[in-house]
Amino acid sequence: MLAILYDGGCEMCRTSMQAIEKFDSSGKIEPIDLQSAEVRAKFPDLAMKDLLEELHAVDDQGTVYRGARAINEILRRQPGLKGWLAYAWYIPGYAWLAERQYQRIAASRYQRDASGRLLPSSDHH
């Protein structure tokens, strides 16, 4: 199994997790809201501060994947053609670009709607 620790307090994160669940055909993905007591019980060594910064995925051996690398790990576990998408990670520059894009979106996730679009700012009248 691959535990996916997502921020259930974030509308975009919840919607993204629902999309991952629909996409998953491996049966090996276990979504867990990082706000739940289950996270503290199962993963006591993971700091809440770190969990709130980016998506975390933890495999059965205790290996922790963060950010875009966690998304790649979800892909890697998919059977068939979907699993081949994970190999894009090895194209020169792809991992760097994926991580930068992930960090940009994650940093503004509370200012985004469920589909990931930035919400109109109240500062711009």
N, C-alpha and C. Protein backbone atom coordinates (compact mmCIF):
# COMPACT_ATOMS: atom_id res chain seq x y z
N MET A 1 0.84 -1.20 0.00
CA MET A 1 0.00 0.00 0.00
C MET A 1 0.87 1.25 0.00
N LEU A 2 0.30 2.31 -0.50
CA LEU A 2 0.94 3.61 -0.48
C LEU A 2 -0.02 4.56 0.20
N ALA A 3 0.31 4.99 1.42
CA ALA A 3 -0.52 5.94 2.14
C ALA A 3 -0.29 7.33 1.57
N ILE A 4 -1.36 8.01 1.20
CA ILE A 4 -1.28 9.36 0.66
C ILE A 4 -1.83 10.30 1.73
N LEU A 5 -0.96 11.13 2.29
CA LEU A 5 -1.33 12.05 3.36
C LEU A 5 -1.62 13.41 2.74
N TYR A 6 -2.89 13.76 2.67
CA TYR A 6 -3.31 14.99 2.01
C TYR A 6 -3.99 15.92 3.01
N ASP A 7 -4.07 17.19 2.66
CA ASP A 7 -4.65 18.21 3.54
C ASP A 7 -6.16 18.29 3.31
N GLY A 8 -6.92 17.65 4.19
CA GLY A 8 -8.37 17.66 4.09
C GLY A 8 -9.00 19.01 4.36
N GLY A 9 -8.21 19.96 4.87
CA GLY A 9 -8.70 21.31 5.11
C GLY A 9 -8.59 22.20 3.89
N CYS A 10 -8.11 21.64 2.80
CA CYS A 10 -7.88 22.37 1.55
C CYS A 10 -8.83 21.83 0.49
N GLU A 11 -9.69 22.70 -0.04
CA GLU A 11 -10.69 22.28 -1.03
C GLU A 11 -10.03 21.67 -2.26
N MET A 12 -8.99 22.32 -2.77
CA MET A 12 -8.29 21.82 -3.95
C MET A 12 -7.64 20.46 -3.66
N CYS A 13 -7.10 20.29 -2.45
CA CYS A 13 -6.45 19.03 -2.08
C CYS A 13 -7.46 17.89 -2.00
N ARG A 14 -8.62 18.17 -1.45
CA ARG A 14 -9.67 17.14 -1.36
C ARG A 14 -10.12 16.72 -2.76
N THR A 15 -10.32 17.70 -3.63
CA THR A 15 -10.75 17.42 -5.00
C THR A 15 -9.67 16.64 -5.74
N SER A 16 -8.41 17.02 -5.53
CA SER A 16 -7.30 16.31 -6.17
C SER A 16 -7.24 14.86 -5.68
N MET A 17 -7.47 14.65 -4.39
CA MET A 17 -7.44 13.29 -3.85
C MET A 17 -8.57 12.46 -4.43
N GLN A 18 -9.73 13.06 -4.62
CA GLN A 18 -10.85 12.34 -5.25
C GLN A 18 -10.48 11.94 -6.68
N ALA A 19 -9.80 12.83 -7.39
CA ALA A 19 -9.36 12.53 -8.77
C ALA A 19 -8.34 11.40 -8.77
N ILE A 20 -7.44 11.41 -7.80
CA ILE A 20 -6.45 10.34 -7.69
C ILE A 20 -7.15 9.00 -7.43
N GLU A 21 -8.15 9.02 -6.55
CA GLU A 21 -8.88 7.79 -6.26
C GLU A 21 -9.59 7.24 -7.50
N LYS A 22 -10.15 8.13 -8.32
CA LYS A 22 -10.80 7.71 -9.57
C LYS A 22 -9.77 7.18 -10.56
N PHE A 23 -8.62 7.82 -10.62
CA PHE A 23 -7.55 7.44 -11.55
C PHE A 23 -6.93 6.11 -11.16
N ASP A 24 -6.84 5.86 -9.87
CA ASP A 24 -6.15 4.67 -9.36
C ASP A 24 -6.87 3.39 -9.75
N SER A 25 -6.14 2.52 -10.42
CA SER A 25 -6.69 1.20 -10.73
C SER A 25 -5.82 0.11 -10.10
N SER A 26 -4.90 0.55 -9.23
CA SER A 26 -3.97 -0.40 -8.61
C SER A 26 -4.55 -1.03 -7.34
N GLY A 27 -5.46 -0.32 -6.67
CA GLY A 27 -5.96 -0.79 -5.39
C GLY A 27 -4.90 -0.70 -4.29
N LYS A 28 -3.83 0.05 -4.55
CA LYS A 28 -2.72 0.14 -3.61
C LYS A 28 -2.56 1.53 -3.01
N ILE A 29 -3.56 2.38 -3.20
CA ILE A 29 -3.50 3.76 -2.71
C ILE A 29 -4.44 3.89 -1.52
N GLU A 30 -3.92 4.42 -0.41
CA GLU A 30 -4.72 4.62 0.80
C GLU A 30 -4.70 6.10 1.17
N PRO A 31 -5.74 6.85 0.79
CA PRO A 31 -5.78 8.27 1.15
C PRO A 31 -6.07 8.46 2.63
N ILE A 32 -5.33 9.36 3.28
CA ILE A 32 -5.54 9.65 4.69
C ILE A 32 -5.45 11.17 4.87
N ASP A 33 -6.50 11.75 5.41
CA ASP A 33 -6.51 13.19 5.72
C ASP A 33 -5.47 13.44 6.80
N LEU A 34 -4.51 14.29 6.54
CA LEU A 34 -3.44 14.53 7.52
C LEU A 34 -3.95 15.15 8.81
N GLN A 35 -5.17 15.65 8.79
CA GLN A 35 -5.77 16.22 10.01
C GLN A 35 -6.30 15.13 10.95
N SER A 36 -6.38 13.89 10.46
CA SER A 36 -6.97 12.80 11.26
C SER A 36 -6.00 12.26 12.30
N ALA A 37 -6.56 11.70 13.35
CA ALA A 37 -5.74 11.09 14.41
C ALA A 37 -4.98 9.88 13.88
N GLU A 38 -5.49 9.27 12.82
CA GLU A 38 -4.84 8.11 12.22
C GLU A 38 -3.41 8.44 11.75
N VAL A 39 -3.22 9.64 11.23
CA VAL A 39 -1.89 10.05 10.77
C VAL A 39 -0.90 10.08 11.92
N ARG A 40 -1.30 10.67 13.03
CA ARG A 40 -0.41 10.75 14.20
C ARG A 40 -0.08 9.35 14.71
N ALA A 41 -1.06 8.44 14.68
CA ALA A 41 -0.86 7.08 15.17
C ALA A 41 0.04 6.27 14.24
N LYS A 42 -0.20 6.38 12.93
CA LYS A 42 0.55 5.58 11.97
C LYS A 42 1.92 6.15 11.63
N PHE A 43 2.03 7.48 11.68
CA PHE A 43 3.25 8.15 11.25
C PHE A 43 3.72 9.18 12.27
N PRO A 44 4.05 8.75 13.48
CA PRO A 44 4.40 9.70 14.55
C PRO A 44 5.68 10.50 14.27
N ASP A 45 6.53 10.01 13.38
CA ASP A 45 7.78 10.72 13.09
C ASP A 45 7.63 11.84 12.07
N LEU A 46 6.46 11.94 11.44
CA LEU A 46 6.25 13.00 10.45
C LEU A 46 5.70 14.24 11.16
N ALA A 47 6.36 15.36 10.98
CA ALA A 47 5.96 16.61 11.63
C ALA A 47 4.79 17.25 10.89
N MET A 48 3.80 17.70 11.64
CA MET A 48 2.62 18.34 11.04
C MET A 48 3.02 19.52 10.17
N LYS A 49 4.00 20.29 10.59
CA LYS A 49 4.48 21.43 9.80
C LYS A 49 4.91 20.98 8.40
N ASP A 50 5.63 19.87 8.32
CA ASP A 50 6.07 19.34 7.03
C ASP A 50 4.90 18.80 6.22
N LEU A 51 3.98 18.12 6.90
CA LEU A 51 2.82 17.56 6.21
C LEU A 51 1.96 18.65 5.58
N LEU A 52 1.88 19.80 6.25
CA LEU A 52 1.07 20.90 5.74
C LEU A 52 1.72 21.61 4.55
N GLU A 53 3.01 21.42 4.36
CA GLU A 53 3.71 22.09 3.26
C GLU A 53 3.49 21.41 1.91
N GLU A 54 3.40 20.07 1.92
CA GLU A 54 3.28 19.36 0.65
C GLU A 54 2.71 17.95 0.87
N LEU A 55 2.19 17.40 -0.20
CA LEU A 55 1.66 16.04 -0.19
C LEU A 55 2.76 15.07 0.21
N HIS A 56 2.41 14.11 1.04
CA HIS A 56 3.35 13.05 1.44
C HIS A 56 2.75 11.70 1.06
N ALA A 57 3.58 10.79 0.60
CA ALA A 57 3.20 9.41 0.33
C ALA A 57 4.18 8.53 1.09
N VAL A 58 3.67 7.53 1.77
CA VAL A 58 4.52 6.64 2.57
C VAL A 58 4.22 5.20 2.15
N ASP A 59 5.27 4.47 1.75
CA ASP A 59 5.07 3.08 1.34
C ASP A 59 5.18 2.12 2.52
N ASP A 60 4.99 0.85 2.25
CA ASP A 60 5.01 -0.17 3.30
C ASP A 60 6.35 -0.29 4.02
N GLN A 61 7.42 0.11 3.35
CA GLN A 61 8.74 0.04 3.96
C GLN A 61 9.07 1.30 4.77
N GLY A 62 8.16 2.28 4.75
CA GLY A 62 8.37 3.52 5.49
C GLY A 62 9.07 4.60 4.70
N THR A 63 9.31 4.36 3.41
CA THR A 63 9.92 5.39 2.56
C THR A 63 8.91 6.51 2.36
N VAL A 64 9.37 7.74 2.54
CA VAL A 64 8.49 8.91 2.42
C VAL A 64 8.82 9.65 1.13
N TYR A 65 7.80 9.93 0.35
CA TYR A 65 7.92 10.71 -0.89
C TYR A 65 7.14 12.00 -0.68
N ARG A 66 7.70 13.10 -1.15
CA ARG A 66 7.08 14.41 -0.92
C ARG A 66 6.85 15.16 -2.23
N GLY A 67 5.81 15.98 -2.23
CA GLY A 67 5.56 16.87 -3.36
C GLY A 67 5.34 16.14 -4.67
N ALA A 68 5.97 16.64 -5.73
CA ALA A 68 5.81 16.05 -7.06
C ALA A 68 6.29 14.61 -7.08
N ARG A 69 7.28 14.30 -6.27
CA ARG A 69 7.79 12.91 -6.22
C ARG A 69 6.71 11.98 -5.67
N ALA A 70 5.86 12.46 -4.78
CA ALA A 70 4.74 11.65 -4.27
C ALA A 70 3.75 11.36 -5.40
N ILE A 71 3.47 12.36 -6.23
CA ILE A 71 2.58 12.17 -7.38
C ILE A 71 3.18 11.13 -8.32
N ASN A 72 4.47 11.23 -8.57
CA ASN A 72 5.15 10.28 -9.44
C ASN A 72 5.06 8.87 -8.87
N GLU A 73 5.15 8.74 -7.57
CA GLU A 73 5.07 7.42 -6.93
C GLU A 73 3.67 6.82 -7.10
N ILE A 74 2.65 7.65 -7.06
CA ILE A 74 1.28 7.19 -7.32
C ILE A 74 1.20 6.63 -8.74
N LEU A 75 1.75 7.38 -9.70
CA LEU A 75 1.75 6.94 -11.09
C LEU A 75 2.52 5.62 -11.25
N ARG A 76 3.67 5.54 -10.61
CA ARG A 76 4.54 4.37 -10.75
C ARG A 76 3.83 3.08 -10.33
N ARG A 77 2.89 3.19 -9.44
CA ARG A 77 2.20 2.00 -8.93
C ARG A 77 0.98 1.59 -9.75
N GLN A 78 0.69 2.36 -10.78
CA GLN A 78 -0.48 2.04 -11.61
C GLN A 78 -0.13 0.96 -12.64
N PRO A 79 -1.06 0.04 -12.88
CA PRO A 79 -0.80 -0.98 -13.89
C PRO A 79 -0.94 -0.43 -15.31
N GLY A 80 -0.31 -1.11 -16.23
CA GLY A 80 -0.48 -0.79 -17.64
C GLY A 80 0.08 0.55 -18.05
N LEU A 81 -0.57 1.13 -19.04
CA LEU A 81 -0.11 2.38 -19.64
C LEU A 81 -0.01 3.53 -18.63
N LYS A 82 -0.93 3.58 -17.68
CA LYS A 82 -0.89 4.63 -16.66
C LYS A 82 0.43 4.62 -15.91
N GLY A 83 0.93 3.45 -15.61
CA GLY A 83 2.20 3.31 -14.90
C GLY A 83 3.38 3.83 -15.70
N TRP A 84 3.28 3.76 -17.00
CA TRP A 84 4.38 4.24 -17.86
C TRP A 84 4.54 5.76 -17.76
N LEU A 85 3.48 6.46 -17.37
CA LEU A 85 3.57 7.92 -17.22
C LEU A 85 4.64 8.31 -16.20
N ALA A 86 4.89 7.43 -15.24
CA ALA A 86 5.89 7.72 -14.21
C ALA A 86 7.30 7.85 -14.79
N TYR A 87 7.54 7.24 -15.94
CA TYR A 87 8.88 7.29 -16.52
C TYR A 87 9.24 8.68 -17.07
N ALA A 88 8.25 9.56 -17.21
CA ALA A 88 8.55 10.94 -17.61
C ALA A 88 9.50 11.58 -16.59
N TRP A 89 9.45 11.09 -15.34
CA TRP A 89 10.31 11.60 -14.27
C TRP A 89 11.78 11.57 -14.66
N TYR A 90 12.16 10.63 -15.53
CA TYR A 90 13.56 10.44 -15.90
C TYR A 90 13.98 11.22 -17.14
N ILE A 91 13.06 11.95 -17.74
CA ILE A 91 13.42 12.83 -18.85
C ILE A 91 14.20 13.99 -18.25
N PRO A 92 15.37 14.30 -18.80
CA PRO A 92 16.18 15.39 -18.21
C PRO A 92 15.36 16.67 -18.03
N GLY A 93 15.39 17.20 -16.83
CA GLY A 93 14.70 18.44 -16.49
C GLY A 93 13.27 18.26 -16.01
N TYR A 94 12.67 17.11 -16.29
CA TYR A 94 11.26 16.92 -15.93
C TYR A 94 11.04 16.96 -14.41
N ALA A 95 11.85 16.24 -13.66
CA ALA A 95 11.68 16.19 -12.20
C ALA A 95 11.82 17.59 -11.60
N TRP A 96 12.80 18.33 -12.07
CA TRP A 96 13.02 19.69 -11.57
C TRP A 96 11.79 20.56 -11.87
N LEU A 97 11.31 20.50 -13.12
CA LEU A 97 10.17 21.30 -13.52
C LEU A 97 8.90 20.88 -12.76
N ALA A 98 8.69 19.58 -12.62
CA ALA A 98 7.52 19.09 -11.91
C ALA A 98 7.52 19.56 -10.46
N GLU A 99 8.68 19.49 -9.82
CA GLU A 99 8.77 19.92 -8.42
C GLU A 99 8.53 21.42 -8.29
N ARG A 100 9.08 22.23 -9.19
CA ARG A 100 8.87 23.69 -9.14
C ARG A 100 7.40 24.03 -9.32
N GLN A 101 6.77 23.38 -10.29
CA GLN A 101 5.35 23.64 -10.53
C GLN A 101 4.52 23.19 -9.32
N TYR A 102 4.83 22.04 -8.78
CA TYR A 102 4.11 21.54 -7.60
C TYR A 102 4.24 22.54 -6.45
N GLN A 103 5.45 23.00 -6.17
CA GLN A 103 5.68 23.94 -5.06
C GLN A 103 4.92 25.25 -5.27
N ARG A 104 4.87 25.73 -6.50
CA ARG A 104 4.16 26.97 -6.81
C ARG A 104 2.67 26.82 -6.50
N ILE A 105 2.10 25.72 -6.90
CA ILE A 105 0.67 25.49 -6.66
C ILE A 105 0.41 25.22 -5.18
N ALA A 106 1.24 24.40 -4.55
CA ALA A 106 1.05 24.06 -3.14
C ALA A 106 1.13 25.30 -2.25
N ALA A 107 2.00 26.23 -2.58
CA ALA A 107 2.17 27.43 -1.77
C ALA A 107 0.93 28.32 -1.79
N SER A 108 0.11 28.19 -2.82
CA SER A 108 -1.08 29.04 -2.93
C SER A 108 -2.37 28.22 -2.88
N ARG A 109 -2.31 27.00 -2.34
CA ARG A 109 -3.48 26.11 -2.42
C ARG A 109 -4.70 26.64 -1.68
N TYR A 110 -4.54 27.43 -0.64
CA TYR A 110 -5.70 27.96 0.07
C TYR A 110 -6.32 29.15 -0.66
N GLN A 111 -5.64 29.66 -1.68
CA GLN A 111 -6.18 30.74 -2.50
C GLN A 111 -6.72 30.19 -3.82
N ARG A 112 -6.91 28.88 -3.90
CA ARG A 112 -7.39 28.25 -5.12
C ARG A 112 -8.73 27.57 -4.89
N ASP A 113 -9.53 27.49 -5.97
CA ASP A 113 -10.80 26.77 -5.86
C ASP A 113 -10.54 25.28 -6.04
N ALA A 114 -11.61 24.50 -6.03
CA ALA A 114 -11.49 23.04 -6.11
C ALA A 114 -10.78 22.57 -7.38
N SER A 115 -10.91 23.34 -8.46
CA SER A 115 -10.28 22.94 -9.72
C SER A 115 -8.84 23.44 -9.83
N GLY A 116 -8.37 24.19 -8.83
CA GLY A 116 -7.00 24.67 -8.84
C GLY A 116 -6.82 26.08 -9.37
N ARG A 117 -7.90 26.70 -9.80
CA ARG A 117 -7.79 28.08 -10.29
C ARG A 117 -7.67 29.05 -9.12
N LEU A 118 -6.82 30.06 -9.29
CA LEU A 118 -6.69 31.08 -8.26
C LEU A 118 -7.99 31.82 -8.07
N LEU A 119 -8.38 32.03 -6.83
CA LEU A 119 -9.59 32.78 -6.52
C LEU A 119 -9.31 34.27 -6.68
N PRO A 120 -10.33 35.04 -7.04
CA PRO A 120 -10.12 36.49 -7.12
C PRO A 120 -9.70 37.02 -5.75
N SER A 121 -8.71 37.86 -5.74
CA SER A 121 -8.20 38.41 -4.49
C SER A 121 -9.06 39.59 -4.06
N SER A 122 -9.32 39.66 -2.76
CA SER A 122 -10.09 40.79 -2.23
C SER A 122 -9.25 42.06 -2.22
N ASP A 123 -7.93 41.92 -2.45
CA ASP A 123 -7.03 43.07 -2.47
C ASP A 123 -7.15 43.85 -3.79
N HIS A 124 -7.71 43.23 -4.80
CA HIS A 124 -7.79 43.86 -6.13
C HIS A 124 -9.19 44.37 -6.38
N HIS A 125 -9.50 45.57 -5.90
CA HIS A 125 -10.84 46.14 -6.08
C HIS A 125 -10.93 46.87 -7.38
